[in-house]
C-alpha atoms as a PDB file:
ATOM      1  CA  MET A   1       0.029  -0.008   0.003  1.00  0.00           C
ATOM      2  CA  ASN A   2       1.008   3.628  -0.572  1.00  0.00           C
ATOM      3  CA  ILE A   3      -0.736   6.927  -0.262  1.00  0.00           C
ATOM      4  CA  THR A   4      -2.222   6.683  -3.752  1.00  0.00           C
ATOM      5  CA  SER A   5      -3.819   3.310  -3.079  1.00  0.00           C
ATOM      6  CA  ILE A   6      -5.069   4.454   0.302  1.00  0.00           C
ATOM      7  CA  LEU A   7      -6.615   7.563  -1.265  1.00  0.00           C
ATOM      8  CA  ASP A   8      -8.249   5.224  -3.791  1.00  0.00           C
ATOM      9  CA  THR A   9      -9.729   3.183  -0.904  1.00  0.00           C
ATOM     10  CA  PHE A  10     -10.956   6.330   0.796  1.00  0.00           C
ATOM     11  CA  GLU A  11     -12.574   7.500  -2.435  1.00  0.00           C
ATOM     12  CA  TYR A  12     -14.250   4.108  -2.804  1.00  0.00           C
ATOM     13  CA  CYS A  13     -15.599   4.464   0.739  1.00  0.00           C
ATOM     14  CA  GLY A  14     -16.893   7.970   0.065  1.00  0.00           C
ATOM     15  CA  ILE A  15     -14.467   9.593   2.543  1.00  0.00           C
ATOM     16  CA  ASN A  16     -13.816  13.304   1.965  1.00  0.00           C
ATOM     17  CA  CYS A  17     -10.147  14.009   2.692  1.00  0.00           C
ATOM     18  CA  GLU A  18      -7.318  16.430   2.224  1.00  0.00           C
ATOM     19  CA  VAL A  19      -3.563  15.805   1.689  1.00  0.00           C
ATOM     20  CA  LEU A  20      -1.159  18.045   3.632  1.00  0.00           C
ATOM     21  CA  ASP A  21       2.553  18.398   3.119  1.00  0.00           C
ATOM     22  CA  VAL A  22       4.299  18.188   6.530  1.00  0.00           C
ATOM     23  CA  GLY A  23       7.935  18.534   5.498  1.00  0.00           C
ATOM     24  CA  ASP A  24      10.816  16.904   3.616  1.00  0.00           C
ATOM     25  CA  GLY A  25       8.633  15.013   1.104  1.00  0.00           C
ATOM     26  CA  TRP A  26       6.248  13.684   3.797  1.00  0.00           C
ATOM     27  CA  LYS A  27       2.420  13.968   3.540  1.00  0.00           C
ATOM     28  CA  VAL A  28      -0.540  13.168   5.760  1.00  0.00           C
ATOM     29  CA  ILE A  29      -4.161  12.498   4.877  1.00  0.00           C
ATOM     30  CA  VAL A  30      -6.834  14.208   6.948  1.00  0.00           C
ATOM     31  CA  SER A  31     -10.300  12.640   6.679  1.00  0.00           C
ATOM     32  CA  GLU A  32     -13.558  14.459   7.325  1.00  0.00           C
ATOM     33  CA  HIS A  33     -14.996  11.134   8.562  1.00  0.00           C
ATOM     34  CA  GLY A  34     -13.920  10.977  12.223  1.00  0.00           C
ATOM     35  CA  GLY A  35     -11.296  13.680  11.773  1.00  0.00           C
ATOM     36  CA  HIS A  36      -8.494  11.083  11.624  1.00  0.00           C
ATOM     37  CA  ILE A  37      -4.930  11.891  10.453  1.00  0.00           C
ATOM     38  CA  PHE A  38      -3.192   9.152   8.440  1.00  0.00           C
ATOM     39  CA  GLY A  39       0.452   8.753   7.531  1.00  0.00           C
ATOM     40  CA  PRO A  40       2.850  10.379   7.389  1.00  0.00           C
ATOM     41  CA  PHE A  41       3.759   8.921   3.971  1.00  0.00           C
ATOM     42  CA  SER A  42       6.864   9.290   1.873  1.00  0.00           C
ATOM     43  CA  ASP A  43       8.770   7.419  -0.818  1.00  0.00           C
ATOM     44  CA  SER A  44      10.867   5.806   1.966  1.00  0.00           C
ATOM     45  CA  CYS A  45       7.782   4.904   3.999  1.00  0.00           C
ATOM     46  CA  PRO A  46       4.932   4.348   1.535  1.00  0.00           C
ATOM     47  CA  GLU A  47       2.565   2.582   4.010  1.00  0.00           C
ATOM     48  CA  GLY A  48       2.762   5.424   6.533  1.00  0.00           C
ATOM     49  CA  ILE A  49       4.125   5.633  10.038  1.00  0.00           C
ATOM     50  CA  PHE A  50       0.940   5.621  12.067  1.00  0.00           C
ATOM     51  CA  TRP A  51      -0.969   2.338  12.410  1.00  0.00           C
ATOM     52  CA  ILE A  52      -3.841   1.550  10.070  1.00  0.00           C
ATOM     53  CA  PRO A  53      -5.824  -1.688  10.002  1.00  0.00           C
ATOM     54  CA  GLU A  54      -5.149  -4.373   7.381  1.00  0.00           C
ATOM     55  CA  ALA A  55      -8.727  -3.849   6.166  1.00  0.00           C
ATOM     56  CA  VAL A  56      -7.503  -0.780   4.253  1.00  0.00           C
ATOM     57  CA  ARG A  57      -5.944  -3.197   1.694  1.00  0.00           C
ATOM     58  CA  ASP A  58      -9.451  -4.371   0.779  1.00  0.00           C
ATOM     59  CA  PRO A  59     -11.769  -1.466  -0.182  1.00  0.00           C
ATOM     60  CA  GLU A  60     -14.877  -3.520   0.577  1.00  0.00           C
ATOM     61  CA  ALA A  61     -13.643  -4.468   4.074  1.00  0.00           C
ATOM     62  CA  TYR A  62     -12.656  -0.918   4.898  1.00  0.00           C
ATOM     63  CA  LYS A  63     -15.957   0.414   3.587  1.00  0.00           C
ATOM     64  CA  GLU A  64     -17.737  -1.923   6.005  1.00  0.00           C
ATOM     65  CA  LEU A  65     -15.855  -0.261   8.860  1.00  0.00           C
ATOM     66  CA  ILE A  66     -16.863   3.173   7.564  1.00  0.00           C
ATOM     67  CA  ASP A  67     -20.510   2.242   6.946  1.00  0.00           C
ATOM     68  CA  ARG A  68     -20.735   0.748  10.475  1.00  0.00           C
ATOM     69  CA  LYS A  69     -19.158   3.900  11.875  1.00  0.00           C
ATOM     70  CA  VAL A  70     -16.442   1.857  13.669  1.00  0.00           C
ATOM     71  CA  TRP A  71     -13.933   4.157  15.320  1.00  0.00           C
ATOM     72  CA  ASN A  72     -10.935   1.804  14.845  1.00  0.00           C
ATOM     73  CA  ILE A  73      -9.951   2.926  11.305  1.00  0.00           C
ATOM     74  CA  GLY A  74      -6.365   3.943  12.152  1.00  0.00           C
ATOM     75  CA  GLY A  75      -4.280   7.072  12.418  1.00  0.00           C
ATOM     76  CA  ASP A  76      -4.406   9.942  14.889  1.00  0.00           C
ATOM     77  CA  ARG A  77      -7.678  11.147  16.318  1.00  0.00           C
ATOM     78  CA  VAL A  78      -9.027  13.569  18.990  1.00  0.00           C
ATOM     79  CA  TRP A  79     -11.906  12.593  21.192  1.00  0.00           C
ATOM     80  CA  ILE A  80     -13.595  14.198  24.183  1.00  0.00           C
ATOM     81  CA  ALA A  81     -12.827  12.768  27.610  1.00  0.00           C
ATOM     82  CA  PRO A  82     -13.377  11.503  30.249  1.00  0.00           C
ATOM     83  CA  GLU A  83     -14.024   8.025  28.903  1.00  0.00           C
ATOM     84  CA  ILE A  84     -15.485   6.990  32.283  1.00  0.00           C
ATOM     85  CA  GLN A  85     -18.143   9.703  31.867  1.00  0.00           C
ATOM     86  CA  PHE A  86     -19.012   9.487  28.155  1.00  0.00           C
ATOM     87  CA  ASN A  87     -17.970   6.008  26.893  1.00  0.00           C
ATOM     88  CA  ILE A  88     -18.811   3.689  29.848  1.00  0.00           C
ATOM     89  CA  THR A  89     -22.359   3.488  31.083  1.00  0.00           C
ATOM     90  CA  ASP A  90     -21.652   1.200  34.158  1.00  0.00           C
ATOM     91  CA  ARG A  91     -18.229   1.344  35.692  1.00  0.00           C
ATOM     92  CA  SER A  92     -18.790  -1.894  37.639  1.00  0.00           C
ATOM     93  CA  HIS A  93     -19.103  -3.562  34.203  1.00  0.00           C
ATOM     94  CA  PHE A  94     -16.724  -1.261  32.307  1.00  0.00           C
ATOM     95  CA  ARG A  95     -15.622  -3.704  29.686  1.00  0.00           C
ATOM     96  CA  GLU A  96     -19.177  -4.798  28.818  1.00  0.00           C
ATOM     97  CA  THR A  97     -20.552  -1.246  28.632  1.00  0.00           C
ATOM     98  CA  LEU A  98     -17.580   0.456  26.936  1.00  0.00           C
ATOM     99  CA  ASN A  99     -18.900   2.029  23.730  1.00  0.00           C
ATOM    100  CA  THR A 100     -17.596   5.132  21.988  1.00  0.00           C
ATOM    101  CA  PRO A 101     -20.510   7.444  21.131  1.00  0.00           C
ATOM    102  CA  LYS A 102     -20.936   7.906  17.407  1.00  0.00           C
ATOM    103  CA  SER A 103     -21.295  11.648  18.030  1.00  0.00           C
ATOM    104  CA  ILE A 104     -17.593  11.623  19.051  1.00  0.00           C
ATOM    105  CA  ASP A 105     -16.314   9.275  16.339  1.00  0.00           C
ATOM    106  CA  PRO A 106     -17.050   9.527  13.497  1.00  0.00           C
ATOM    107  CA  GLY A 107     -18.943  12.573  14.588  1.00  0.00           C
ATOM    108  CA  SER A 108     -20.180  15.110  12.098  1.00  0.00           C
ATOM    109  CA  TYR A 109     -17.103  17.079  11.108  1.00  0.00           C
ATOM    110  CA  ARG A 110     -17.198  19.776   8.504  1.00  0.00           C
ATOM    111  CA  MET A 111     -13.735  20.126   6.880  1.00  0.00           C
ATOM    112  CA  THR A 112     -12.421  23.244   5.180  1.00  0.00           C
ATOM    113  CA  ARG A 113      -8.949  24.291   4.040  1.00  0.00           C
ATOM    114  CA  ASP A 114      -6.992  27.554   4.006  1.00  0.00           C
ATOM    115  CA  GLY A 115      -3.581  27.030   2.371  1.00  0.00           C
ATOM    116  CA  ASP A 116      -1.608  24.696   4.628  1.00  0.00           C
ATOM    117  CA  ARG A 117      -4.237  24.860   7.364  1.00  0.00           C
ATOM    118  CA  ILE A 118      -7.000  22.254   7.600  1.00  0.00           C
ATOM    119  CA  HIS A 119      -9.998  23.013   9.765  1.00  0.00           C
ATOM    120  CA  LEU A 120     -12.362  20.465  11.333  1.00  0.00           C
ATOM    121  CA  ASN A 121     -15.512  21.732  12.988  1.00  0.00           C
ATOM    122  CA  MET A 122     -18.457  20.081  14.651  1.00  0.00           C
ATOM    123  CA  GLU A 123     -21.099  20.463  17.341  1.00  0.00           C
ATOM    124  CA  LEU A 124     -22.122  17.433  19.428  1.00  0.00           C
ATOM    125  CA  ASP A 125     -24.201  16.407  22.374  1.00  0.00           C
ATOM    126  CA  LEU A 126     -23.129  13.749  24.882  1.00  0.00           C
ATOM    127  CA  ALA A 127     -24.813  11.869  27.672  1.00  0.00           C
ATOM    128  CA  SER A 128     -22.900  11.614  30.963  1.00  0.00           C
ATOM    129  CA  TYR A 129     -22.706   8.547  33.192  1.00  0.00           C
ATOM    130  CA  ASN A 130     -21.038   7.338  36.444  1.00  0.00           C
ATOM    131  CA  THR A 131     -19.427  10.532  37.761  1.00  0.00           C
ATOM    132  CA  VAL A 132     -22.391  12.809  37.013  1.00  0.00           C
ATOM    133  CA  THR A 133     -25.703  12.018  35.355  1.00  0.00           C
ATOM    134  CA  GLY A 134     -26.626  14.595  32.759  1.00  0.00           C
ATOM    135  CA  SER A 135     -25.627  15.902  29.345  1.00  0.00           C
ATOM    136  CA  LEU A 136     -23.062  18.109  27.600  1.00  0.00           C
ATOM    137  CA  HIS A 137     -23.195  20.242  24.480  1.00  0.00           C
ATOM    138  CA  ALA A 138     -19.836  20.971  22.822  1.00  0.00           C
ATOM    139  CA  ASP A 139     -18.492  23.178  20.032  1.00  0.00           C
ATOM    140  CA  PHE A 140     -15.294  21.471  18.797  1.00  0.00           C
ATOM    141  CA  HIS A 141     -12.799  23.034  16.415  1.00  0.00           C
ATOM    142  CA  ARG A 142      -9.453  21.589  15.294  1.00  0.00           C
ATOM    143  CA  MET A 143      -6.879  23.353  13.059  1.00  0.00           C
ATOM    144  CA  ILE A 144      -4.067  21.167  11.644  1.00  0.00           C
ATOM    145  CA  HIS A 145      -0.894  22.565  10.026  1.00  0.00           C
ATOM    146  CA  PRO A 146       2.761  21.623   9.599  1.00  0.00           C
ATOM    147  CA  ALA A 147       5.128  22.035  12.543  1.00  0.00           C
ATOM    148  CA  LYS A 148       8.705  23.296  12.193  1.00  0.00           C
ATOM    149  CA  ASN A 149      11.650  21.173  13.233  1.00  0.00           C
ATOM    150  CA  PRO A 150      12.140  21.724  16.983  1.00  0.00           C
ATOM    151  CA  LEU A 151      15.922  21.347  16.589  1.00  0.00           C
ATOM    152  CA  ARG A 152      16.330  24.084  14.027  1.00  0.00           C
ATOM    153  CA  LYS A 153      17.612  26.811  16.441  1.00  0.00           C
ATOM    154  CA  LEU A 154      20.273  24.633  18.042  1.00  0.00           C
ATOM    155  CA  PRO A 155      23.928  25.207  17.154  1.00  0.00           C
ATOM    156  CA  MET A 156      24.344  21.434  16.564  1.00  0.00           C
ATOM    157  CA  PHE A 157      21.287  21.233  14.289  1.00  0.00           C
ATOM    158  CA  GLY A 158      23.249  20.083  11.257  1.00  0.00           C
ATOM    159  CA  GLU A 159      25.057  17.378  13.237  1.00  0.00           C
ATOM    160  CA  LEU A 160      21.819  16.121  14.858  1.00  0.00           C
ATOM    161  CA  MET A 161      19.960  15.953  11.539  1.00  0.00           C
ATOM    162  CA  GLU A 162      22.751  14.294   9.585  1.00  0.00           C
ATOM    163  CA  GLY A 163      21.219  11.287   7.762  1.00  0.00           C
ATOM    164  CA  LEU A 164      17.731  11.965   9.199  1.00  0.00           C
ATOM    165  CA  SER A 165      14.436  13.078   7.731  1.00  0.00           C
ATOM    166  CA  TYR A 166      11.904  15.154   9.687  1.00  0.00           C
ATOM    167  CA  CYS A 167       8.227  15.916   9.417  1.00  0.00           C
ATOM    168  CA  GLY A 168       5.800  17.401  11.931  1.00  0.00           C
ATOM    169  CA  LEU A 169       2.241  18.585  12.511  1.00  0.00           C
ATOM    170  CA  GLU A 170       0.552  20.755  15.056  1.00  0.00           C
ATOM    171  CA  GLU A 171      -3.116  20.861  16.108  1.00  0.00           C
ATOM    172  CA  VAL A 172      -4.769  23.840  17.720  1.00  0.00           C
ATOM    173  CA  ILE A 173      -7.778  22.284  19.498  1.00  0.00           C
ATOM    174  CA  ASP A 174     -10.644  24.525  20.673  1.00  0.00           C
ATOM    175  CA  LEU A 175     -13.387  23.128  22.916  1.00  0.00           C
ATOM    176  CA  LYS A 176     -16.325  25.090  24.267  1.00  0.00           C
ATOM    177  CA  VAL A 177     -18.964  23.367  26.430  1.00  0.00           C
ATOM    178  CA  CYS A 178     -22.198  23.922  28.323  1.00  0.00           C
ATOM    179  CA  GLY A 179     -24.281  21.331  30.159  1.00  0.00           C
ATOM    180  CA  THR A 180     -25.505  19.834  33.353  1.00  0.00           C
ATOM    181  CA  GLU A 181     -23.874  21.011  36.538  1.00  0.00           C
ATOM    182  CA  GLY A 182     -20.873  18.830  37.369  1.00  0.00           C
ATOM    183  CA  VAL A 183     -20.232  17.483  33.889  1.00  0.00           C
ATOM    184  CA  LEU A 184     -16.610  17.796  32.851  1.00  0.00           C
ATOM    185  CA  ALA A 185     -14.828  17.543  29.460  1.00  0.00           C
ATOM    186  CA  GLU A 186     -11.387  17.739  27.933  1.00  0.00           C
ATOM    187  CA  SER A 187      -9.836  17.216  24.538  1.00  0.00           C
ATOM    188  CA  TRP A 188      -8.154  13.859  24.342  1.00  0.00           C
ATOM    189  CA  ASP A 189      -5.603  12.922  21.626  1.00  0.00           C
ATOM    190  CA  LEU A 190      -5.105   9.248  20.728  1.00  0.00           C
ATOM    191  CA  LEU A 191      -2.308   8.357  18.305  1.00  0.00           C
ATOM    192  CA  GLN A 192      -2.297   4.743  17.034  1.00  0.00           C
ATOM    193  CA  ILE A 193       1.219   3.437  16.568  1.00  0.00           C
ATOM    194  CA  ARG A 194       2.765   0.278  15.079  1.00  0.00           C
ATOM    195  CA  PRO A 195       4.376  -2.195  17.442  1.00  0.00           C
ATOM    196  CA  LYS A 196       7.056  -3.170  18.352  1.00  0.00           C
ATOM    197  CA  GLY A 197       9.165  -0.637  20.098  1.00  0.00           C
ATOM    198  CA  THR A 198       9.915   1.221  23.283  1.00  0.00           C
ATOM    199  CA  LEU A 199       8.025   4.255  24.683  1.00  0.00           C
ATOM    200  CA  PHE A 200       9.765   6.695  27.029  1.00  0.00           C
ATOM    201  CA  ILE A 201       7.949   9.106  29.367  1.00  0.00           C
ATOM    202  CA  PRO A 202      10.456  11.583  30.861  1.00  0.00           C
ATOM    203  CA  MET A 203       9.626  12.654  34.429  1.00  0.00           C
ATOM    204  CA  TYR A 204      10.989  15.166  36.935  1.00  0.00           C
ATOM    205  CA  THR A 205      10.464  12.412  39.502  1.00  0.00           C
ATOM    206  CA  PRO A 206      10.012   8.866  38.168  1.00  0.00           C
ATOM    207  CA  LEU A 207       6.594   7.511  39.250  1.00  0.00           C
ATOM    208  CA  ARG A 208       5.069   4.247  38.096  1.00  0.00           C
ATOM    209  CA  GLY A 209       1.679   4.346  36.405  1.00  0.00           C
ATOM    210  CA  THR A 210      -1.811   3.324  37.480  1.00  0.00           C
ATOM    211  CA  ASP A 211      -3.319   0.353  35.652  1.00  0.00           C
ATOM    212  CA  HIS A 212      -6.724   0.647  34.040  1.00  0.00           C
ATOM    213  CA  TYR A 213      -7.114  -2.886  32.676  1.00  0.00           C
ATOM    214  CA  GLU A 214      -4.800  -5.864  32.989  1.00  0.00           C
ATOM    215  CA  PRO A 215      -1.484  -4.831  34.733  1.00  0.00           C
ATOM    216  CA  ALA A 216       1.346  -3.557  32.523  1.00  0.00           C
ATOM    217  CA  GLY A 217       3.648  -5.721  34.639  1.00  0.00           C
ATOM    218  CA  ASP A 218       7.026  -6.324  33.068  1.00  0.00           C
ATOM    219  CA  HIS A 219       6.162  -4.032  30.182  1.00  0.00           C
ATOM    220  CA  GLU A 220       6.860  -1.050  32.567  1.00  0.00           C
ATOM    221  CA  THR A 221      10.395  -0.216  33.778  1.00  0.00           C
ATOM    222  CA  GLU A 222      11.350   2.666  36.018  1.00  0.00           C
ATOM    223  CA  VAL A 223      14.613   4.418  35.027  1.00  0.00           C
ATOM    224  CA  GLN A 224      16.526   7.356  36.487  1.00  0.00           C
ATOM    225  CA  ASN A 225      14.614  10.073  34.662  1.00  0.00           C
ATOM    226  CA  GLY A 226      11.315   8.452  33.737  1.00  0.00           C
ATOM    227  CA  ILE A 227       9.416   5.371  32.661  1.00  0.00           C
ATOM    228  CA  LEU A 228      10.042   2.922  29.808  1.00  0.00           C
ATOM    229  CA  LEU A 229       7.151   0.894  28.313  1.00  0.00           C
ATOM    230  CA  ARG A 230       7.519  -2.002  25.907  1.00  0.00           C
ATOM    231  CA  ILE A 231       4.966  -1.719  23.131  1.00  0.00           C
ATOM    232  CA  THR A 232       4.167  -5.130  21.678  1.00  0.00           C
ATOM    233  CA  GLY A 233       0.569  -5.149  20.368  1.00  0.00           C
ATOM    234  CA  ASP A 234      -0.004  -8.680  21.752  1.00  0.00           C
ATOM    235  CA  SER A 235      -0.661  -8.188  25.463  1.00  0.00           C
ATOM    236  CA  ARG A 236      -3.429  -5.797  26.636  1.00  0.00           C
ATOM    237  CA  TYR A 237      -2.735  -3.132  29.166  1.00  0.00           C
ATOM    238  CA  LYS A 238      -3.707   0.488  29.696  1.00  0.00           C
ATOM    239  CA  ILE A 239      -1.643   2.600  32.146  1.00  0.00           C
ATOM    240  CA  ALA A 240      -1.917   6.182  33.236  1.00  0.00           C
ATOM    241  CA  TYR A 241       0.633   8.692  34.490  1.00  0.00           C
ATOM    242  CA  ARG A 242       0.162  11.719  36.796  1.00  0.00           C
ATOM    243  CA  SER A 243       0.555  15.209  35.394  1.00  0.00           C
ATOM    244  CA  ALA A 244       2.496  16.594  38.398  1.00  0.00           C
ATOM    245  CA  VAL A 245       5.758  14.820  37.421  1.00  0.00           C
ATOM    246  CA  MET A 246       5.379  15.102  33.635  1.00  0.00           C
ATOM    247  CA  THR A 247       7.604  17.248  31.369  1.00  0.00           C
ATOM    248  CA  GLY A 248       4.990  17.710  28.604  1.00  0.00           C
ATOM    249  CA  ARG A 249       6.764  15.411  26.178  1.00  0.00           C
ATOM    250  CA  PHE A 250       6.986  11.686  25.528  1.00  0.00           C
ATOM    251  CA  GLY A 251       8.340   9.586  22.696  1.00  0.00           C
ATOM    252  CA  TYR A 252       8.341   6.244  20.906  1.00  0.00           C
ATOM    253  CA  LEU A 253      11.231   4.554  19.142  1.00  0.00           C
ATOM    254  CA  ALA A 254      10.191   1.690  16.899  1.00  0.00           C
ATOM    255  CA  ASP A 255      12.131  -1.557  16.732  1.00  0.00           C
ATOM    256  CA  SER A 256      13.636  -2.282  13.354  1.00  0.00           C
ATOM    257  CA  ASP A 257      15.263  -5.223  11.555  1.00  0.00           C
ATOM    258  CA  THR A 258      17.418  -2.725   9.687  1.00  0.00           C
ATOM    259  CA  ASP A 259      19.568   0.262  10.657  1.00  0.00           C
ATOM    260  CA  SER A 260      16.619   2.577   9.886  1.00  0.00           C
ATOM    261  CA  SER A 261      13.861   3.328  12.400  1.00  0.00           C
ATOM    262  CA  VAL A 262      11.247   5.905  13.455  1.00  0.00           C
ATOM    263  CA  LEU A 263      11.105   8.257  16.448  1.00  0.00           C
ATOM    264  CA  ILE A 264       7.764   9.893  17.298  1.00  0.00           C
ATOM    265  CA  ILE A 265       7.679  12.580  19.947  1.00  0.00           C
ATOM    266  CA  ILE A 266       4.499  14.256  21.249  1.00  0.00           C
ATOM    267  CA  CYS A 267       4.694  17.709  22.827  1.00  0.00           C
ATOM    268  CA  TYR A 268       1.566  18.576  24.735  1.00  0.00           C
ATOM    269  CA  PRO A 269       0.499  21.275  27.222  1.00  0.00           C
ATOM    270  CA  ASN A 270       0.899  19.424  30.567  1.00  0.00           C
ATOM    271  CA  ASN A 271      -0.488  21.551  33.430  1.00  0.00           C
ATOM    272  CA  PRO A 272      -0.587  19.956  36.864  1.00  0.00           C
ATOM    273  CA  SER A 273      -2.978  22.683  38.073  1.00  0.00           C
ATOM    274  CA  ALA A 274      -5.585  21.371  35.641  1.00  0.00           C
ATOM    275  CA  MET A 275      -7.960  18.680  36.858  1.00  0.00           C
ATOM    276  CA  TYR A 276      -7.445  15.907  34.238  1.00  0.00           C
ATOM    277  CA  SER A 277     -10.790  14.337  34.911  1.00  0.00           C
ATOM    278  CA  GLU A 278     -10.246  10.773  33.586  1.00  0.00           C
ATOM    279  CA  GLU A 279     -10.551   8.064  36.256  1.00  0.00           C
ATOM    280  CA  PRO A 280      -9.464   4.445  36.293  1.00  0.00           C
ATOM    281  CA  PRO A 281     -12.627   2.365  35.865  1.00  0.00           C
ATOM    282  CA  LEU A 282     -12.454   0.793  39.346  1.00  0.00           C
ATOM    283  CA  ILE A 283     -10.915   3.710  41.307  1.00  0.00           C
ATOM    284  CA  GLU A 284     -13.647   6.331  41.740  1.00  0.00           C
ATOM    285  CA  GLY A 285     -12.424   9.905  42.210  1.00  0.00           C
ATOM    286  CA  ASP A 286      -8.757   9.202  41.241  1.00  0.00           C
ATOM    287  CA  THR A 287      -7.888  11.934  38.750  1.00  0.00           C
ATOM    288  CA  GLY A 288      -4.872  13.945  37.644  1.00  0.00           C
ATOM    289  CA  TYR A 289      -3.521  11.790  34.774  1.00  0.00           C
ATOM    290  CA  SER A 290      -2.372  13.610  31.659  1.00  0.00           C
ATOM    291  CA  ILE A 291      -0.870  10.626  29.801  1.00  0.00           C
ATOM    292  CA  HIS A 292      -2.379   7.202  29.037  1.00  0.00           C
ATOM    293  CA  VAL A 293      -0.710   4.393  27.099  1.00  0.00           C
ATOM    294  CA  TYR A 294      -2.697   1.510  25.586  1.00  0.00           C
ATOM    295  CA  ASN A 295      -1.153  -1.731  24.331  1.00  0.00           C
ATOM    296  CA  ASP A 296      -3.559  -4.012  22.405  1.00  0.00           C
ATOM    297  CA  ASP A 297      -3.640  -7.755  22.750  1.00  0.00           C
ATOM    298  CA  GLY A 298      -4.085  -8.305  19.047  1.00  0.00           C
ATOM    299  CA  ASN A 299      -7.913  -8.685  19.100  1.00  0.00           C
ATOM    300  CA  SER A 300      -8.440  -5.091  17.889  1.00  0.00           C
ATOM    301  CA  GLY A 301      -5.630  -5.174  15.305  1.00  0.00           C
ATOM    302  CA  GLY A 302      -2.466  -5.282  17.411  1.00  0.00           C
ATOM    303  CA  PHE A 303      -1.752  -1.541  17.660  1.00  0.00           C
ATOM    304  CA  ALA A 304      -0.807   0.638  20.594  1.00  0.00           C
ATOM    305  CA  GLU A 305      -1.745   4.202  21.518  1.00  0.00           C
ATOM    306  CA  MET A 306       0.068   7.289  22.805  1.00  0.00           C
ATOM    307  CA  GLU A 307      -2.659   9.243  24.523  1.00  0.00           C
ATOM    308  CA  CYS A 308      -2.638  12.659  26.151  1.00  0.00           C
ATOM    309  CA  ASN A 309      -5.328  14.736  27.735  1.00  0.00           C
ATOM    310  CA  MET A 310      -5.726  18.571  27.592  1.00  0.00           C
ATOM    311  CA  LEU A 311      -7.213  21.273  29.836  1.00  0.00           C
ATOM    312  CA  THR A 312     -10.368  20.275  31.780  1.00  0.00           C
ATOM    313  CA  VAL A 313     -13.437  22.437  31.287  1.00  0.00           C
ATOM    314  CA  GLY A 314     -16.972  22.315  32.618  1.00  0.00           C
ATOM    315  CA  SER A 315     -18.904  23.920  35.474  1.00  0.00           C
ATOM    316  CA  PRO A 316     -16.799  22.471  38.380  1.00  0.00           C
ATOM    317  CA  THR A 317     -13.653  24.139  36.930  1.00  0.00           C
ATOM    318  CA  GLY A 318     -15.218  27.577  36.350  1.00  0.00           C
ATOM    319  CA  ILE A 319     -14.028  27.421  32.764  1.00  0.00           C
ATOM    320  CA  ASP A 320     -16.178  26.557  29.738  1.00  0.00           C
ATOM    321  CA  HIS A 321     -13.632  27.072  26.965  1.00  0.00           C
ATOM    322  CA  SER A 322     -10.134  25.663  26.276  1.00  0.00           C
ATOM    323  CA  THR A 323      -7.624  26.141  23.484  1.00  0.00           C
ATOM    324  CA  ASP A 324      -4.742  23.686  23.437  1.00  0.00           C
ATOM    325  CA  ARG A 325      -1.731  23.275  21.086  1.00  0.00           C
ATOM    326  CA  LEU A 326      -0.482  19.703  20.463  1.00  0.00           C
ATOM    327  CA  THR A 327       2.571  18.947  18.346  1.00  0.00           C
ATOM    328  CA  LYS A 328       3.942  15.722  16.842  1.00  0.00           C
ATOM    329  CA  TRP A 329       7.644  15.600  15.794  1.00  0.00           C
ATOM    330  CA  ILE A 330       8.656  12.633  13.641  1.00  0.00           C
ATOM    331  CA  PHE A 331      12.189  11.683  12.720  1.00  0.00           C
ATOM    332  CA  THR A 332      13.294   8.762  10.518  1.00  0.00           C
ATOM    333  CA  GLY A 333      16.729   7.372   9.691  1.00  0.00           C
ATOM    334  CA  PRO A 334      19.577   5.414  11.260  1.00  0.00           C
ATOM    335  CA  LYS A 335      18.755   4.374  14.771  1.00  0.00           C
ATOM    336  CA  GLN A 336      22.063   5.637  16.096  1.00  0.00           C
ATOM    337  CA  ARG A 337      21.219   9.093  14.834  1.00  0.00           C
ATOM    338  CA  LEU A 338      17.676   8.920  16.274  1.00  0.00           C
ATOM    339  CA  THR A 339      19.021   8.153  19.709  1.00  0.00           C
ATOM    340  CA  ALA A 340      20.921  11.471  19.698  1.00  0.00           C
ATOM    341  CA  VAL A 341      17.645  13.288  18.882  1.00  0.00           C
ATOM    342  CA  ALA A 342      15.873  11.348  21.652  1.00  0.00           C
ATOM    343  CA  GLN A 343      18.609  12.415  24.104  1.00  0.00           C
ATOM    344  CA  THR A 344      18.266  16.016  23.038  1.00  0.00           C
ATOM    345  CA  LEU A 345      14.455  16.353  23.087  1.00  0.00           C
ATOM    346  CA  LEU A 346      13.552  13.861  25.801  1.00  0.00           C
ATOM    347  CA  GLY A 347      16.702  13.257  27.871  1.00  0.00           C
ATOM    348  CA  TRP A 348      16.354   9.619  26.802  1.00  0.00           C
ATOM    349  CA  LYS A 349      19.641   7.622  26.733  1.00  0.00           C
ATOM    350  CA  CYS A 350      18.216   4.837  24.593  1.00  0.00           C
END
């Protein structure tokens, strides 16, 4: 598969989309359906860096996912959290009652373009469960555009980028809400990545995560300046990390059978004064997590997710409007060169 064949599949499925240049010959596809971002694609990586299900190789199979409004169509997406409030109707049976509202994904986005800026807009209504019973109305706007290389102002820029390729994208995410007293909301980015590899979360003080499903167990390792997670796509866990010790960045280095690999870094607006309203399903009232990591067991396609949450809004916070900036930096090339970038941007001695 390459970007042309994927665009052909999207056309067959009736998906309206835009192609955006994100640097150094790399492109992403932004779909109006669900507001997903696919890719990035280049001649050196024709199938794209982000995970996409095998069904995309069969237009009929992928169209079935689209027609059924299945959320798991690949790429990078932004939902509205907390999951415990909008996606789970009974926390004592959280697995059985977990169901993403169709108003969140695929939603009803309207996509427009202004040069290298793609806009996604929608209004939606959500029912609230567990924490507060009620409803929420949201105005949701996302603007996607290329992001400049974060290394470009460093004196050792040329040395760091030798043999590497860079692309990047930034989203400005605007959420405005009104609803029942006590209902909270926050923008929630979920990037589906391809196993296998290692994810690093730098921390000011290393602190192990809180499990949401099956324990991460040996997948999680505490190191001097953060947490390492093995991403495998064959053993399910979901683990959350507290905002108070976060730096606002985390990264993923893919395994490779060759000398060439991929480094994905997410830079997000971590703010420990914000509430971060997501709760583990079985620990009521436990909030304050700005990063979640999901590792699939293979039953949903064998992907993993780098997830981060934005500013909490809603009546309990006294704020009904948030604007967040979220940036993805992606480097490809020899693994030895990527480790130098990881050291520079994350403090990761990988």
